[in-house]
């Protein structure tokens, strides 16, 4: 459940010893998603990139497994990188989990439409709130 079959990462063999970093996770987490905002982004595939053009690599998801806390401006732009579900799809493609519990396949354009409807994150760490309305996503 923690590794997408389309991801290059491998499942952890042992939950006790293998989870010292995020190298066994394929997804990002939307920190401020809730059921009061059914279209809020609760999670999604880790191959998300900044900007309107898909990147060749994983974008926000660091290779070293140390994670990345990212402010995504509302309404973006962001795009799915050309990894995982985007293979062969130059516009990018990925999967998101919404605050209402539903799962949605999304193009980069569709993801930006969800971002345009997102409620800004209010629970930023002290001194780290961005200057523009944004949502907070944690990437492995």
Protein backbone atom coordinates (compact mmCIF):
# COMPACT_ATOMS: atom_id res chain seq x y z
CA UNK A 1 0.00 0.00 0.00
CA UNK A 2 2.93 2.37 0.50
CA UNK A 3 4.56 1.77 -2.88
CA UNK A 4 2.86 2.41 -6.20
CA UNK A 5 3.48 -0.44 -8.68
CA UNK A 6 4.59 2.20 -11.22
CA UNK A 7 7.27 3.64 -8.89
CA UNK A 8 10.97 2.73 -9.01
CA UNK A 9 11.08 2.53 -5.21
CA UNK A 10 10.81 -0.88 -3.58
CA UNK A 11 8.53 -1.96 -0.74
CA UNK A 12 10.07 -2.20 2.72
CA UNK A 13 10.95 -5.76 3.70
CA UNK A 14 10.62 -4.95 7.40
CA UNK A 15 8.53 -2.11 8.86
CA UNK A 16 10.65 -2.00 12.02
CA UNK A 17 14.05 -1.52 10.40
CA UNK A 18 13.39 -0.20 6.89
CA UNK A 19 11.57 3.03 7.74
CA UNK A 20 14.52 5.20 8.70
CA UNK A 21 13.75 7.55 5.82
CA UNK A 22 11.12 7.98 3.10
CA UNK A 23 12.65 5.77 0.41
CA UNK A 24 9.81 3.24 0.73
CA UNK A 25 6.95 5.67 0.06
CA UNK A 26 5.43 6.61 -3.30
CA UNK A 27 3.08 9.36 -2.19
CA UNK A 28 2.93 12.90 -0.87
CA UNK A 29 0.67 13.98 2.01
CA UNK A 30 -1.57 17.06 2.05
CA UNK A 31 -1.09 18.38 5.58
CA UNK A 32 -4.18 20.58 5.74
CA UNK A 33 -6.78 18.42 3.94
CA UNK A 34 -10.00 17.72 5.82
CA UNK A 35 -13.54 16.51 5.24
CA UNK A 36 -14.91 20.06 5.60
CA UNK A 37 -13.19 20.77 2.27
CA UNK A 38 -14.06 17.69 0.18
CA UNK A 39 -11.89 18.81 -2.76
CA UNK A 40 -8.82 19.42 -0.57
CA UNK A 41 -5.81 17.35 -1.55
CA UNK A 42 -5.08 14.68 1.06
CA UNK A 43 -2.36 12.84 -0.87
CA UNK A 44 -1.12 11.78 -4.25
CA UNK A 45 1.63 10.26 -6.37
CA UNK A 46 5.05 11.64 -5.54
CA UNK A 47 5.88 12.60 -9.15
CA UNK A 48 4.68 16.20 -8.81
CA UNK A 49 6.79 19.06 -10.20
CA UNK A 50 6.73 22.84 -9.94
CA UNK A 51 5.71 24.83 -13.01
CA UNK A 52 3.51 24.26 -16.03
CA UNK A 53 5.91 21.97 -17.93
CA UNK A 54 6.44 18.40 -16.68
CA UNK A 55 9.99 17.67 -15.50
CA UNK A 56 11.84 14.51 -16.46
CA UNK A 57 12.49 13.46 -12.86
CA UNK A 58 10.33 13.29 -9.71
CA UNK A 59 10.14 17.04 -9.08
CA UNK A 60 9.57 17.79 -5.40
CA UNK A 61 10.38 14.24 -4.22
CA UNK A 62 14.04 14.11 -3.19
CA UNK A 63 16.11 11.06 -4.06
CA UNK A 64 17.89 11.03 -0.68
CA UNK A 65 14.73 10.04 1.20
CA UNK A 66 14.92 13.01 3.60
CA UNK A 67 11.57 14.47 2.54
CA UNK A 68 10.52 17.89 1.35
CA UNK A 69 7.98 20.27 2.91
CA UNK A 70 6.56 22.34 0.04
CA UNK A 71 4.28 25.37 -0.28
CA UNK A 72 2.23 24.97 -3.48
CA UNK A 73 0.82 28.35 -4.53
CA UNK A 74 -2.90 28.47 -5.18
CA UNK A 75 -3.74 28.06 -8.08
CA UNK A 76 -0.36 26.59 -9.06
CA UNK A 77 0.95 25.91 -11.62
CA UNK A 78 2.20 22.40 -10.92
CA UNK A 79 2.50 19.42 -13.22
CA UNK A 80 3.00 15.69 -12.97
CA UNK A 81 6.59 14.83 -13.86
CA UNK A 82 7.25 12.32 -16.60
CA UNK A 83 7.63 9.41 -14.18
CA UNK A 84 5.29 6.69 -12.89
CA UNK A 85 1.82 7.04 -14.47
CA UNK A 86 3.02 9.76 -16.83
CA UNK A 87 5.24 7.43 -18.86
CA UNK A 88 4.32 8.02 -22.49
CA UNK A 89 1.99 10.90 -21.61
CA UNK A 90 3.73 14.25 -22.31
CA UNK A 91 1.04 16.21 -20.45
CA UNK A 92 1.67 14.26 -17.24
CA UNK A 93 -0.69 12.10 -15.21
CA UNK A 94 -1.05 11.09 -11.61
CA UNK A 95 -3.43 10.07 -8.90
CA UNK A 96 -4.70 12.20 -6.01
CA UNK A 97 -6.67 11.42 -2.87
CA UNK A 98 -9.19 14.08 -1.88
CA UNK A 99 -10.52 15.17 1.50
CA UNK A 100 -13.81 13.35 0.87
CA UNK A 101 -11.89 10.06 0.59
CA UNK A 102 -12.24 9.71 -3.17
CA UNK A 103 -9.36 8.91 -5.49
CA UNK A 104 -9.06 10.75 -8.81
CA UNK A 105 -6.86 10.21 -11.86
CA UNK A 106 -5.72 13.61 -12.95
CA UNK A 107 -3.85 15.25 -15.77
CA UNK A 108 -1.62 18.18 -14.89
CA UNK A 109 -4.39 20.50 -16.09
CA UNK A 110 -6.96 18.74 -13.91
CA UNK A 111 -4.69 18.92 -10.87
CA UNK A 112 -4.37 22.68 -11.31
CA UNK A 113 -8.16 22.90 -11.39
CA UNK A 114 -8.27 21.18 -7.97
CA UNK A 115 -5.62 23.60 -6.71
CA UNK A 116 -7.72 26.57 -7.87
CA UNK A 117 -10.50 25.34 -5.52
CA UNK A 118 -8.22 24.53 -2.59
CA UNK A 119 -8.51 26.19 0.80
CA UNK A 120 -5.15 27.69 1.83
CA UNK A 121 -3.19 25.95 4.56
CA UNK A 122 -3.34 27.73 7.90
CA UNK A 123 -1.13 25.42 10.00
CA UNK A 124 2.32 26.48 8.82
CA UNK A 125 5.29 26.12 11.16
CA UNK A 126 6.11 29.36 12.99
CA UNK A 127 7.92 31.75 10.66
CA UNK A 128 7.37 29.63 7.54
CA UNK A 129 4.02 30.84 6.19
CA UNK A 130 4.38 31.76 2.50
CA UNK A 131 3.57 35.27 1.27
CA UNK A 132 0.89 33.99 -1.13
CA UNK A 133 -2.05 31.66 -0.38
CA UNK A 134 -0.70 28.11 -0.62
CA UNK A 135 -1.34 24.54 0.37
CA UNK A 136 1.27 22.52 2.24
CA UNK A 137 2.38 19.15 0.87
CA UNK A 138 4.97 16.81 2.39
CA UNK A 139 6.92 14.76 -0.17
CA UNK A 140 9.01 11.68 0.50
